[in-house]
Amino acid sequence: MVEFDVQIKAGDLYDYMLRHTYNSFAGLLGSLVGALLVVGGLYTRTWLMLGAGIILLLYLPWTLFLKSRQQILANPAFKEPLHYMLDEEGVHVSQNGTEEMQKWEDIVKAVSTGRSLILYTSRINACIFPRRCLQDDASKVIQVLCANLPARKVKIRQ
């Protein structure tokens, strides 16, 4: 069992959104098309194509950045820290006297980025565990995740 508190900041949410978006078909396709437009524009010296490619490549990260800032300010759940407890039953999360529990068999997958461990509770919803909040507990959290989730659901780099 491991317990820790998490205070989600805009950068943590942005990190999650980038990982989630660029690991989807639409995110990859948008990047591919943008890159092809940039290369094609450079090769043919078509400045309109080059400009369209650059705009396409920069649009998604910029809008995700703005959206993460907006969500942090608008969502009251991000104002207070979340308390997590990971045990043999599942993931317990509490905030302001309210507690919820997600069983291990209902977890979709666990992944990592350079900044966070992300525990998907559905295709689009996730618990974000910023490494700055975990500090020394990061390896314990990874051990608990690996012990309780099937190996095919764990995609974590240390």
N, C-alpha and C. Protein backbone atom coordinates (compact mmCIF):
# COMPACT_ATOMS: atom_id res chain seq x y z
N MET A 1 0.85 -1.18 0.00
CA MET A 1 0.00 0.00 0.00
C MET A 1 0.90 1.25 0.00
N VAL A 2 0.45 2.24 -0.77
CA VAL A 2 1.17 3.51 -0.81
C VAL A 2 0.14 4.64 -0.84
N GLU A 3 0.44 5.71 -0.10
CA GLU A 3 -0.44 6.87 -0.04
C GLU A 3 0.34 8.12 -0.41
N PHE A 4 -0.33 9.05 -1.09
CA PHE A 4 0.31 10.31 -1.46
C PHE A 4 -0.76 11.33 -1.82
N ASP A 5 -0.37 12.58 -1.81
CA ASP A 5 -1.24 13.69 -2.19
C ASP A 5 -0.76 14.26 -3.51
N VAL A 6 -1.73 14.69 -4.32
CA VAL A 6 -1.43 15.24 -5.63
C VAL A 6 -2.16 16.57 -5.79
N GLN A 7 -1.41 17.59 -6.17
CA GLN A 7 -1.99 18.89 -6.52
C GLN A 7 -1.73 19.08 -8.02
N ILE A 8 -2.78 18.96 -8.82
CA ILE A 8 -2.64 19.07 -10.27
C ILE A 8 -2.48 20.54 -10.66
N LYS A 9 -1.45 20.81 -11.46
CA LYS A 9 -1.23 22.14 -11.99
C LYS A 9 -1.44 22.11 -13.50
N ALA A 10 -1.49 23.28 -14.11
CA ALA A 10 -1.75 23.37 -15.54
C ALA A 10 -0.72 22.59 -16.36
N GLY A 11 0.54 22.63 -15.95
CA GLY A 11 1.59 21.90 -16.67
C GLY A 11 1.38 20.40 -16.63
N ASP A 12 0.86 19.89 -15.51
CA ASP A 12 0.58 18.46 -15.39
C ASP A 12 -0.56 18.06 -16.34
N LEU A 13 -1.58 18.90 -16.37
CA LEU A 13 -2.72 18.63 -17.25
C LEU A 13 -2.31 18.74 -18.71
N TYR A 14 -1.47 19.70 -19.03
CA TYR A 14 -0.96 19.87 -20.39
C TYR A 14 -0.14 18.65 -20.82
N ASP A 15 0.70 18.16 -19.93
CA ASP A 15 1.49 16.96 -20.20
C ASP A 15 0.59 15.77 -20.52
N TYR A 16 -0.46 15.60 -19.72
CA TYR A 16 -1.42 14.52 -19.97
C TYR A 16 -2.11 14.71 -21.31
N MET A 17 -2.56 15.92 -21.60
CA MET A 17 -3.29 16.18 -22.84
C MET A 17 -2.41 15.94 -24.07
N LEU A 18 -1.14 16.36 -23.99
CA LEU A 18 -0.22 16.11 -25.11
C LEU A 18 -0.04 14.61 -25.34
N ARG A 19 0.21 13.87 -24.28
CA ARG A 19 0.42 12.43 -24.41
C ARG A 19 -0.82 11.74 -24.96
N HIS A 20 -1.97 12.12 -24.42
CA HIS A 20 -3.23 11.51 -24.84
C HIS A 20 -3.53 11.84 -26.31
N THR A 21 -3.35 13.08 -26.70
CA THR A 21 -3.69 13.50 -28.06
C THR A 21 -2.73 12.92 -29.08
N TYR A 22 -1.44 13.00 -28.82
CA TYR A 22 -0.47 12.55 -29.81
C TYR A 22 -0.31 11.03 -29.85
N ASN A 23 -0.99 10.32 -28.97
CA ASN A 23 -1.04 8.86 -29.05
C ASN A 23 -2.37 8.39 -29.61
N SER A 24 -3.13 9.30 -30.18
CA SER A 24 -4.39 8.94 -30.83
C SER A 24 -4.19 9.02 -32.35
N PHE A 25 -5.09 8.42 -33.07
CA PHE A 25 -5.01 8.43 -34.54
C PHE A 25 -5.08 9.86 -35.07
N ALA A 26 -6.01 10.66 -34.55
CA ALA A 26 -6.19 12.03 -35.04
C ALA A 26 -4.94 12.88 -34.79
N GLY A 27 -4.33 12.74 -33.62
CA GLY A 27 -3.13 13.50 -33.31
C GLY A 27 -1.96 13.11 -34.20
N LEU A 28 -1.80 11.82 -34.42
CA LEU A 28 -0.73 11.36 -35.30
C LEU A 28 -0.96 11.78 -36.74
N LEU A 29 -2.20 11.69 -37.19
CA LEU A 29 -2.53 12.07 -38.57
C LEU A 29 -2.29 13.57 -38.77
N GLY A 30 -2.72 14.39 -37.82
CA GLY A 30 -2.50 15.83 -37.93
C GLY A 30 -1.02 16.17 -37.99
N SER A 31 -0.22 15.51 -37.19
CA SER A 31 1.22 15.74 -37.20
C SER A 31 1.85 15.30 -38.51
N LEU A 32 1.41 14.16 -39.00
CA LEU A 32 1.94 13.64 -40.26
C LEU A 32 1.61 14.58 -41.42
N VAL A 33 0.36 15.02 -41.50
CA VAL A 33 -0.05 15.93 -42.57
C VAL A 33 0.72 17.24 -42.46
N GLY A 34 0.85 17.78 -41.23
CA GLY A 34 1.60 19.02 -41.04
C GLY A 34 3.05 18.88 -41.47
N ALA A 35 3.68 17.77 -41.09
CA ALA A 35 5.07 17.53 -41.46
C ALA A 35 5.22 17.38 -42.98
N LEU A 36 4.28 16.68 -43.60
CA LEU A 36 4.32 16.52 -45.07
C LEU A 36 4.15 17.87 -45.77
N LEU A 37 3.28 18.72 -45.24
CA LEU A 37 3.10 20.04 -45.83
C LEU A 37 4.37 20.88 -45.69
N VAL A 38 5.03 20.80 -44.54
CA VAL A 38 6.27 21.56 -44.35
C VAL A 38 7.34 21.06 -45.32
N VAL A 39 7.53 19.76 -45.39
CA VAL A 39 8.54 19.19 -46.29
C VAL A 39 8.20 19.52 -47.74
N GLY A 40 6.93 19.33 -48.11
CA GLY A 40 6.51 19.66 -49.48
C GLY A 40 6.69 21.13 -49.79
N GLY A 41 6.37 21.99 -48.83
CA GLY A 41 6.54 23.43 -49.04
C GLY A 41 7.99 23.82 -49.20
N LEU A 42 8.86 23.21 -48.41
CA LEU A 42 10.30 23.49 -48.55
C LEU A 42 10.84 22.96 -49.88
N TYR A 43 10.41 21.77 -50.25
CA TYR A 43 10.90 21.13 -51.47
C TYR A 43 10.46 21.89 -52.71
N THR A 44 9.20 22.32 -52.74
CA THR A 44 8.66 23.00 -53.92
C THR A 44 8.74 24.52 -53.80
N ARG A 45 9.23 25.00 -52.66
CA ARG A 45 9.30 26.43 -52.37
C ARG A 45 7.92 27.09 -52.49
N THR A 46 6.93 26.36 -52.03
CA THR A 46 5.57 26.89 -51.99
C THR A 46 5.34 27.38 -50.57
N TRP A 47 5.39 28.69 -50.40
CA TRP A 47 5.35 29.29 -49.07
C TRP A 47 3.99 29.11 -48.41
N LEU A 48 2.94 29.05 -49.22
CA LEU A 48 1.60 28.82 -48.65
C LEU A 48 1.51 27.43 -48.02
N MET A 49 2.06 26.43 -48.72
CA MET A 49 2.06 25.06 -48.20
C MET A 49 2.92 24.98 -46.94
N LEU A 50 4.07 25.64 -46.96
CA LEU A 50 4.95 25.66 -45.80
C LEU A 50 4.24 26.31 -44.60
N GLY A 51 3.61 27.44 -44.84
CA GLY A 51 2.89 28.14 -43.77
C GLY A 51 1.75 27.29 -43.22
N ALA A 52 1.01 26.63 -44.10
CA ALA A 52 -0.11 25.77 -43.65
C ALA A 52 0.43 24.62 -42.80
N GLY A 53 1.55 24.05 -43.17
CA GLY A 53 2.15 22.96 -42.40
C GLY A 53 2.59 23.41 -41.03
N ILE A 54 3.22 24.59 -40.97
CA ILE A 54 3.67 25.12 -39.68
C ILE A 54 2.48 25.41 -38.78
N ILE A 55 1.45 26.02 -39.35
CA ILE A 55 0.24 26.31 -38.57
C ILE A 55 -0.37 25.01 -38.06
N LEU A 56 -0.46 24.01 -38.91
CA LEU A 56 -1.04 22.73 -38.51
C LEU A 56 -0.22 22.07 -37.39
N LEU A 57 1.09 22.16 -37.47
CA LEU A 57 1.94 21.56 -36.44
C LEU A 57 1.87 22.32 -35.11
N LEU A 58 1.68 23.62 -35.14
CA LEU A 58 1.65 24.42 -33.92
C LEU A 58 0.27 24.58 -33.31
N TYR A 59 -0.77 24.38 -34.12
CA TYR A 59 -2.14 24.61 -33.65
C TYR A 59 -2.51 23.72 -32.47
N LEU A 60 -2.30 22.43 -32.60
CA LEU A 60 -2.73 21.48 -31.57
C LEU A 60 -2.02 21.70 -30.23
N PRO A 61 -0.69 21.82 -30.19
CA PRO A 61 -0.06 22.06 -28.89
C PRO A 61 -0.51 23.38 -28.26
N TRP A 62 -0.69 24.41 -29.07
CA TRP A 62 -1.11 25.70 -28.54
C TRP A 62 -2.52 25.62 -27.96
N THR A 63 -3.44 24.99 -28.67
CA THR A 63 -4.82 24.90 -28.15
C THR A 63 -4.87 24.01 -26.90
N LEU A 64 -4.06 22.96 -26.85
CA LEU A 64 -4.01 22.13 -25.65
C LEU A 64 -3.44 22.91 -24.47
N PHE A 65 -2.46 23.74 -24.73
CA PHE A 65 -1.89 24.59 -23.69
C PHE A 65 -2.96 25.53 -23.12
N LEU A 66 -3.70 26.18 -23.99
CA LEU A 66 -4.75 27.09 -23.55
C LEU A 66 -5.87 26.35 -22.81
N LYS A 67 -6.22 25.18 -23.33
CA LYS A 67 -7.29 24.38 -22.71
C LYS A 67 -6.88 23.90 -21.31
N SER A 68 -5.63 23.53 -21.13
CA SER A 68 -5.17 23.07 -19.81
C SER A 68 -5.24 24.22 -18.80
N ARG A 69 -4.84 25.41 -19.21
CA ARG A 69 -4.92 26.58 -18.32
C ARG A 69 -6.38 26.88 -17.95
N GLN A 70 -7.24 26.81 -18.95
CA GLN A 70 -8.67 27.11 -18.73
C GLN A 70 -9.29 26.08 -17.79
N GLN A 71 -8.99 24.80 -17.97
CA GLN A 71 -9.57 23.76 -17.12
C GLN A 71 -9.09 23.88 -15.67
N ILE A 72 -7.84 24.21 -15.48
CA ILE A 72 -7.32 24.37 -14.11
C ILE A 72 -8.07 25.49 -13.39
N LEU A 73 -8.33 26.57 -14.10
CA LEU A 73 -9.03 27.70 -13.49
C LEU A 73 -10.51 27.43 -13.27
N ALA A 74 -11.14 26.69 -14.18
CA ALA A 74 -12.59 26.50 -14.15
C ALA A 74 -13.05 25.33 -13.29
N ASN A 75 -12.23 24.30 -13.13
CA ASN A 75 -12.66 23.09 -12.45
C ASN A 75 -12.29 23.15 -10.96
N PRO A 76 -13.30 23.14 -10.09
CA PRO A 76 -13.01 23.23 -8.64
C PRO A 76 -12.24 22.02 -8.11
N ALA A 77 -12.29 20.88 -8.79
CA ALA A 77 -11.57 19.69 -8.33
C ALA A 77 -10.06 19.90 -8.35
N PHE A 78 -9.58 20.82 -9.16
CA PHE A 78 -8.15 21.09 -9.25
C PHE A 78 -7.66 22.10 -8.21
N LYS A 79 -8.57 22.70 -7.49
CA LYS A 79 -8.20 23.73 -6.51
C LYS A 79 -7.62 23.12 -5.23
N GLU A 80 -8.10 21.94 -4.86
CA GLU A 80 -7.67 21.26 -3.63
C GLU A 80 -6.84 20.02 -4.00
N PRO A 81 -5.90 19.62 -3.14
CA PRO A 81 -5.14 18.40 -3.42
C PRO A 81 -6.02 17.15 -3.35
N LEU A 82 -5.66 16.15 -4.13
CA LEU A 82 -6.31 14.85 -4.11
C LEU A 82 -5.44 13.90 -3.30
N HIS A 83 -6.07 13.10 -2.44
CA HIS A 83 -5.33 12.12 -1.66
C HIS A 83 -5.57 10.75 -2.28
N TYR A 84 -4.50 10.07 -2.67
CA TYR A 84 -4.59 8.74 -3.27
C TYR A 84 -4.05 7.69 -2.32
N MET A 85 -4.69 6.54 -2.34
CA MET A 85 -4.19 5.37 -1.64
C MET A 85 -4.32 4.20 -2.61
N LEU A 86 -3.21 3.56 -2.90
CA LEU A 86 -3.18 2.39 -3.77
C LEU A 86 -2.95 1.17 -2.89
N ASP A 87 -3.90 0.23 -2.90
CA ASP A 87 -3.76 -1.00 -2.12
C ASP A 87 -4.16 -2.19 -2.97
N GLU A 88 -4.32 -3.37 -2.35
CA GLU A 88 -4.63 -4.58 -3.11
C GLU A 88 -6.03 -4.55 -3.75
N GLU A 89 -6.93 -3.72 -3.24
CA GLU A 89 -8.28 -3.61 -3.81
C GLU A 89 -8.30 -2.76 -5.07
N GLY A 90 -7.58 -1.63 -5.05
CA GLY A 90 -7.60 -0.71 -6.17
C GLY A 90 -7.05 0.64 -5.80
N VAL A 91 -7.55 1.66 -6.48
CA VAL A 91 -7.10 3.02 -6.29
C VAL A 91 -8.20 3.79 -5.56
N HIS A 92 -7.88 4.29 -4.38
CA HIS A 92 -8.82 5.09 -3.59
C HIS A 92 -8.39 6.55 -3.74
N VAL A 93 -9.34 7.41 -4.06
CA VAL A 93 -9.06 8.84 -4.16
C VAL A 93 -10.06 9.59 -3.30
N SER A 94 -9.56 10.55 -2.53
CA SER A 94 -10.45 11.33 -1.68
C SER A 94 -10.08 12.80 -1.77
N GLN A 95 -11.12 13.60 -1.58
CA GLN A 95 -10.95 15.05 -1.59
C GLN A 95 -12.13 15.66 -0.85
N ASN A 96 -11.86 16.50 0.12
CA ASN A 96 -12.90 17.19 0.88
C ASN A 96 -13.97 16.25 1.44
N GLY A 97 -13.55 15.14 2.01
CA GLY A 97 -14.49 14.21 2.64
C GLY A 97 -15.20 13.25 1.70
N THR A 98 -14.99 13.36 0.41
CA THR A 98 -15.59 12.46 -0.57
C THR A 98 -14.54 11.46 -1.02
N GLU A 99 -14.91 10.17 -1.05
CA GLU A 99 -13.96 9.14 -1.48
C GLU A 99 -14.58 8.28 -2.56
N GLU A 100 -13.75 7.94 -3.54
CA GLU A 100 -14.14 7.01 -4.60
C GLU A 100 -13.07 5.95 -4.73
N MET A 101 -13.47 4.79 -5.27
CA MET A 101 -12.51 3.70 -5.43
C MET A 101 -12.68 3.09 -6.81
N GLN A 102 -11.57 2.82 -7.46
CA GLN A 102 -11.54 2.17 -8.76
C GLN A 102 -10.82 0.83 -8.59
N LYS A 103 -11.49 -0.26 -8.91
CA LYS A 103 -10.87 -1.58 -8.78
C LYS A 103 -9.81 -1.78 -9.86
N TRP A 104 -8.81 -2.58 -9.53
CA TRP A 104 -7.71 -2.81 -10.46
C TRP A 104 -8.21 -3.39 -11.79
N GLU A 105 -9.18 -4.29 -11.74
CA GLU A 105 -9.65 -4.90 -12.99
C GLU A 105 -10.36 -3.91 -13.90
N ASP A 106 -10.78 -2.75 -13.36
CA ASP A 106 -11.45 -1.73 -14.17
C ASP A 106 -10.48 -0.71 -14.75
N ILE A 107 -9.21 -0.77 -14.36
CA ILE A 107 -8.21 0.17 -14.88
C ILE A 107 -7.89 -0.23 -16.32
N VAL A 108 -7.89 0.76 -17.21
CA VAL A 108 -7.65 0.51 -18.64
C VAL A 108 -6.16 0.30 -18.92
N LYS A 109 -5.31 1.22 -18.42
CA LYS A 109 -3.86 1.09 -18.62
C LYS A 109 -3.13 2.09 -17.74
N ALA A 110 -1.85 1.85 -17.56
CA ALA A 110 -0.97 2.76 -16.83
C ALA A 110 0.19 3.10 -17.75
N VAL A 111 0.45 4.39 -17.92
CA VAL A 111 1.52 4.84 -18.81
C VAL A 111 2.34 5.89 -18.07
N SER A 112 3.44 6.30 -18.69
CA SER A 112 4.26 7.34 -18.08
C SER A 112 4.71 8.34 -19.12
N THR A 113 5.01 9.53 -18.65
CA THR A 113 5.67 10.55 -19.44
C THR A 113 6.88 10.98 -18.61
N GLY A 114 7.63 11.90 -19.10
CA GLY A 114 8.76 12.40 -18.33
C GLY A 114 8.33 13.11 -17.06
N ARG A 115 7.10 13.63 -17.05
CA ARG A 115 6.63 14.41 -15.91
C ARG A 115 5.66 13.68 -15.01
N SER A 116 4.99 12.63 -15.53
CA SER A 116 3.88 12.03 -14.77
C SER A 116 3.75 10.54 -15.00
N LEU A 117 3.06 9.92 -14.04
CA LEU A 117 2.50 8.57 -14.23
C LEU A 117 1.01 8.80 -14.47
N ILE A 118 0.44 8.13 -15.45
CA ILE A 118 -0.95 8.33 -15.81
C ILE A 118 -1.66 7.00 -15.73
N LEU A 119 -2.74 6.98 -14.97
CA LEU A 119 -3.53 5.77 -14.76
C LEU A 119 -4.89 5.99 -15.41
N TYR A 120 -5.10 5.37 -16.57
CA TYR A 120 -6.37 5.55 -17.30
C TYR A 120 -7.47 4.73 -16.63
N THR A 121 -8.54 5.43 -16.24
CA THR A 121 -9.69 4.77 -15.63
C THR A 121 -10.78 4.52 -16.67
N SER A 122 -10.64 5.11 -17.84
CA SER A 122 -11.49 4.85 -19.01
C SER A 122 -10.66 5.25 -20.23
N ARG A 123 -11.25 5.21 -21.41
CA ARG A 123 -10.49 5.58 -22.61
C ARG A 123 -10.00 7.02 -22.57
N ILE A 124 -10.77 7.91 -21.91
CA ILE A 124 -10.41 9.32 -21.93
C ILE A 124 -10.16 9.92 -20.54
N ASN A 125 -10.55 9.23 -19.48
CA ASN A 125 -10.36 9.75 -18.13
C ASN A 125 -9.16 9.08 -17.47
N ALA A 126 -8.47 9.86 -16.66
CA ALA A 126 -7.25 9.32 -16.04
C ALA A 126 -6.96 9.99 -14.72
N CYS A 127 -6.21 9.29 -13.90
CA CYS A 127 -5.61 9.85 -12.70
C CYS A 127 -4.19 10.24 -13.09
N ILE A 128 -3.83 11.47 -12.80
CA ILE A 128 -2.50 11.97 -13.14
C ILE A 128 -1.69 12.05 -11.84
N PHE A 129 -0.55 11.37 -11.84
CA PHE A 129 0.34 11.40 -10.68
C PHE A 129 1.63 12.10 -11.09
N PRO A 130 1.71 13.42 -10.90
CA PRO A 130 2.94 14.14 -11.27
C PRO A 130 4.14 13.62 -10.47
N ARG A 131 5.24 13.41 -11.13
CA ARG A 131 6.44 12.91 -10.45
C ARG A 131 6.92 13.87 -9.37
N ARG A 132 6.67 15.18 -9.57
CA ARG A 132 7.09 16.15 -8.56
C ARG A 132 6.32 15.96 -7.26
N CYS A 133 5.10 15.44 -7.33
CA CYS A 133 4.31 15.17 -6.12
C CYS A 133 4.70 13.82 -5.50
N LEU A 134 5.08 12.88 -6.34
CA LEU A 134 5.43 11.54 -5.85
C LEU A 134 6.81 11.51 -5.21
N GLN A 135 7.75 12.23 -5.78
CA GLN A 135 9.14 12.28 -5.35
C GLN A 135 9.67 10.87 -5.08
N ASP A 136 9.95 10.54 -3.83
CA ASP A 136 10.54 9.24 -3.48
C ASP A 136 9.55 8.09 -3.61
N ASP A 137 8.25 8.39 -3.63
CA ASP A 137 7.22 7.34 -3.72
C ASP A 137 6.99 6.85 -5.15
N ALA A 138 7.61 7.46 -6.14
CA ALA A 138 7.38 7.08 -7.54
C ALA A 138 7.68 5.60 -7.78
N SER A 139 8.79 5.12 -7.27
CA SER A 139 9.13 3.70 -7.48
C SER A 139 8.15 2.79 -6.75
N LYS A 140 7.66 3.20 -5.58
CA LYS A 140 6.66 2.41 -4.86
C LYS A 140 5.35 2.35 -5.64
N VAL A 141 4.95 3.48 -6.22
CA VAL A 141 3.72 3.53 -7.01
C VAL A 141 3.85 2.60 -8.22
N ILE A 142 4.99 2.66 -8.89
CA ILE A 142 5.23 1.80 -10.05
C ILE A 142 5.19 0.33 -9.65
N GLN A 143 5.77 -0.01 -8.51
CA GLN A 143 5.74 -1.39 -8.03
C GLN A 143 4.31 -1.86 -7.76
N VAL A 144 3.49 -1.01 -7.13
CA VAL A 144 2.10 -1.36 -6.85
C VAL A 144 1.33 -1.54 -8.16
N LEU A 145 1.55 -0.65 -9.12
CA LEU A 145 0.86 -0.76 -10.41
C LEU A 145 1.26 -2.06 -11.12
N CYS A 146 2.54 -2.34 -11.14
CA CYS A 146 3.02 -3.56 -11.81
C CYS A 146 2.53 -4.82 -11.11
N ALA A 147 2.38 -4.77 -9.79
CA ALA A 147 1.94 -5.94 -9.03
C ALA A 147 0.45 -6.20 -9.21
N ASN A 148 -0.33 -5.15 -9.47
CA ASN A 148 -1.79 -5.31 -9.49
C ASN A 148 -2.43 -5.23 -10.87
N LEU A 149 -1.66 -4.83 -11.87
CA LEU A 149 -2.20 -4.75 -13.23
C LEU A 149 -1.51 -5.79 -14.11
N PRO A 150 -2.24 -6.35 -15.09
CA PRO A 150 -1.58 -7.26 -16.03
C PRO A 150 -0.48 -6.51 -16.80
N ALA A 151 0.57 -7.22 -17.15
CA ALA A 151 1.73 -6.60 -17.82
C ALA A 151 1.33 -5.88 -19.11
N ARG A 152 0.31 -6.38 -19.82
CA ARG A 152 -0.12 -5.75 -21.08
C ARG A 152 -0.74 -4.37 -20.85
N LYS A 153 -1.15 -4.06 -19.63
CA LYS A 153 -1.75 -2.76 -19.32
C LYS A 153 -0.76 -1.74 -18.79
N VAL A 154 0.48 -2.16 -18.55
CA VAL A 154 1.48 -1.27 -17.96
C VAL A 154 2.52 -0.89 -19.01
N LYS A 155 2.58 0.40 -19.31
CA LYS A 155 3.56 0.95 -20.25
C LYS A 155 4.29 2.09 -19.56
N ILE A 156 5.11 1.72 -18.58
CA ILE A 156 5.79 2.73 -17.76
C ILE A 156 7.29 2.64 -17.93
N ARG A 157 7.89 3.80 -18.22
CA ARG A 157 9.34 3.93 -18.25
C ARG A 157 9.76 4.61 -16.96
N GLN A 158 10.82 4.12 -16.36
CA GLN A 158 11.28 4.74 -15.10
C GLN A 158 12.29 5.75 -15.40
